[in-house]
Amino acid sequence: MNSGSSYPQSAGDKARVTAWGVGILGTFLITAVLVAAMRYYARPEPVGANRAEERRKNLNELRAADTKTSNEYDWQDKDKGIVRLPVQRAMELTLQEWKNPAAARSNLVARVDKATVVPPKAPEKPNPFE
């Protein structure tokens, strides 16, 4: 007999190798079953027609709001006197105003200051222990 051989020598060695093989194969099969079960139970619901209809409705609402914002007069900030203009009218006013760049620049700066003014901080309550 060749003592350097890695082949099983006896029936006990063959049984041990077979047991290890069955154990390893069983482990792979259990893992495959667990993976298949997780894929089945963790599968998301398919995107259906109701989802597409909801997205279409939301898109139409967004486009209607954008159209209204772009094409109608409305108050942007009534307290500061800022009005939202239709895009076409705003472009006409801008072209008309910028015929005199110096006046347009000073007017623009004044409007930005008016729009971004921070109201004064409310007075703090006096400390009752003073």
Protein backbone atom coordinates (compact mmCIF):
# COMPACT_ATOMS: atom_id res chain seq x y z
CA MET A 1 0.00 0.00 0.00
CA ASN A 2 1.10 3.49 -0.79
CA SER A 3 1.33 5.46 2.46
CA GLY A 4 1.61 8.84 0.64
CA SER A 5 -1.80 8.45 -1.00
CA SER A 6 -4.66 10.75 0.13
CA TYR A 7 -7.34 8.24 -0.85
CA PRO A 8 -9.33 6.56 1.91
CA GLN A 9 -7.77 3.33 3.04
CA SER A 10 -10.62 1.65 4.86
CA ALA A 11 -14.40 1.41 4.93
CA GLY A 12 -14.49 3.73 7.96
CA ASP A 13 -12.58 6.39 6.03
CA LYS A 14 -14.98 6.06 3.10
CA ALA A 15 -17.97 6.42 5.42
CA ARG A 16 -16.44 9.53 7.01
CA VAL A 17 -15.79 11.13 3.60
CA THR A 18 -19.32 10.26 2.49
CA ALA A 19 -20.76 11.78 5.69
CA TRP A 20 -18.77 14.97 5.15
CA GLY A 21 -19.92 15.13 1.53
CA VAL A 22 -23.57 14.63 2.51
CA GLY A 23 -23.20 17.25 5.25
CA ILE A 24 -21.70 19.82 2.89
CA LEU A 25 -24.30 19.07 0.20
CA GLY A 26 -27.08 19.34 2.82
CA THR A 27 -25.71 22.69 3.99
CA PHE A 28 -25.78 24.03 0.43
CA LEU A 29 -29.33 22.73 -0.08
CA ILE A 30 -30.56 24.34 3.17
CA THR A 31 -28.91 27.63 2.15
CA ALA A 32 -30.55 27.44 -1.29
CA VAL A 33 -33.97 26.82 0.28
CA LEU A 34 -33.50 29.76 2.69
CA VAL A 35 -32.44 32.07 -0.16
CA ALA A 36 -35.46 31.01 -2.24
CA ALA A 37 -37.77 31.60 0.74
CA MET A 38 -36.30 35.07 1.38
CA ARG A 39 -36.67 35.99 -2.29
CA TYR A 40 -40.30 34.88 -2.16
CA TYR A 41 -41.24 36.68 1.09
CA ALA A 42 -39.17 39.83 0.54
CA ARG A 43 -40.35 40.46 -3.03
CA PRO A 44 -41.86 43.96 -3.43
CA GLU A 45 -45.28 44.38 -4.94
CA PRO A 46 -45.18 44.95 -8.68
CA VAL A 47 -45.67 48.47 -9.95
CA GLY A 48 -49.21 48.45 -11.22
CA ALA A 49 -51.50 50.63 -13.24
CA ASN A 50 -52.76 52.40 -10.11
CA ARG A 51 -49.21 53.60 -9.38
CA ALA A 52 -48.81 54.90 -12.92
CA GLU A 53 -52.20 56.64 -12.71
CA GLU A 54 -51.21 58.26 -9.39
CA ARG A 55 -47.95 59.53 -10.88
CA ARG A 56 -49.79 60.88 -13.95
CA LYS A 57 -52.29 62.70 -11.70
CA ASN A 58 -49.47 64.23 -9.63
CA LEU A 59 -47.66 65.34 -12.77
CA ASN A 60 -50.80 67.01 -14.13
CA GLU A 61 -51.35 68.82 -10.81
CA LEU A 62 -47.75 70.01 -10.80
CA ARG A 63 -47.97 71.25 -14.38
CA ALA A 64 -51.24 73.08 -13.63
CA ALA A 65 -49.67 74.79 -10.62
CA ASP A 66 -46.60 75.75 -12.69
CA THR A 67 -48.79 77.14 -15.47
CA LYS A 68 -50.78 79.17 -12.97
CA THR A 69 -47.61 80.48 -11.35
CA SER A 70 -46.05 81.39 -14.70
CA ASN A 71 -49.08 82.97 -16.37
CA GLU A 72 -51.13 84.78 -13.70
CA TYR A 73 -50.74 87.78 -11.44
CA ASP A 74 -50.66 86.97 -7.74
CA TRP A 75 -49.21 88.23 -4.49
CA GLN A 76 -45.81 86.81 -3.68
CA ASP A 77 -45.61 88.66 -0.35
CA LYS A 78 -48.51 91.02 0.32
CA ASP A 79 -46.91 92.55 3.44
CA LYS A 80 -43.83 93.65 1.48
CA GLY A 81 -45.84 94.56 -1.62
CA ILE A 82 -44.22 91.95 -3.88
CA VAL A 83 -46.36 90.82 -6.81
CA ARG A 84 -45.75 87.81 -9.06
CA LEU A 85 -46.11 88.68 -12.75
CA PRO A 86 -46.66 86.49 -15.79
CA VAL A 87 -43.36 85.64 -17.43
CA GLN A 88 -44.14 87.46 -20.67
CA ARG A 89 -45.09 90.69 -18.85
CA ALA A 90 -42.01 90.47 -16.61
CA MET A 91 -39.75 90.18 -19.69
CA GLU A 92 -41.43 93.22 -21.29
CA LEU A 93 -40.95 95.29 -18.14
CA THR A 94 -37.34 94.17 -17.81
CA LEU A 95 -36.51 95.13 -21.41
CA GLN A 96 -38.23 98.49 -20.96
CA GLU A 97 -36.52 99.20 -17.63
CA TRP A 98 -32.99 98.24 -18.75
CA LYS A 99 -32.95 100.80 -21.54
CA ASN A 100 -31.43 103.03 -18.84
CA PRO A 101 -28.95 100.68 -17.08
CA ALA A 102 -27.97 103.03 -14.23
CA ALA A 103 -31.57 103.62 -13.15
CA ALA A 104 -32.41 99.94 -13.59
CA ARG A 105 -29.49 98.87 -11.39
CA SER A 106 -30.43 101.25 -8.58
CA ASN A 107 -34.08 100.20 -8.86
CA LEU A 108 -33.08 96.52 -8.74
CA VAL A 109 -30.95 97.06 -5.63
CA ALA A 110 -33.81 98.91 -3.93
CA ARG A 111 -36.25 96.09 -4.75
CA VAL A 112 -33.85 93.44 -3.45
CA ASP A 113 -33.37 95.39 -0.22
CA LYS A 114 -37.15 95.71 0.16
CA ALA A 115 -37.72 92.01 -0.52
CA THR A 116 -34.99 90.75 1.82
CA VAL A 117 -35.39 93.12 4.74
CA VAL A 118 -35.39 91.29 8.06
CA PRO A 119 -38.02 92.53 10.51
CA PRO A 120 -36.65 93.84 13.79
CA LYS A 121 -36.31 91.41 16.64
CA ALA A 122 -39.09 91.51 19.21
CA PRO A 123 -38.01 93.22 22.42
CA GLU A 124 -36.93 90.87 25.14
CA LYS A 125 -38.93 90.65 28.34
CA PRO A 126 -37.20 92.44 31.18
CA ASN A 127 -35.78 90.26 33.88
CA PRO A 128 -38.14 90.37 36.87
CA PHE A 129 -35.16 90.29 39.24
CA GLU A 130 -33.59 93.51 37.96
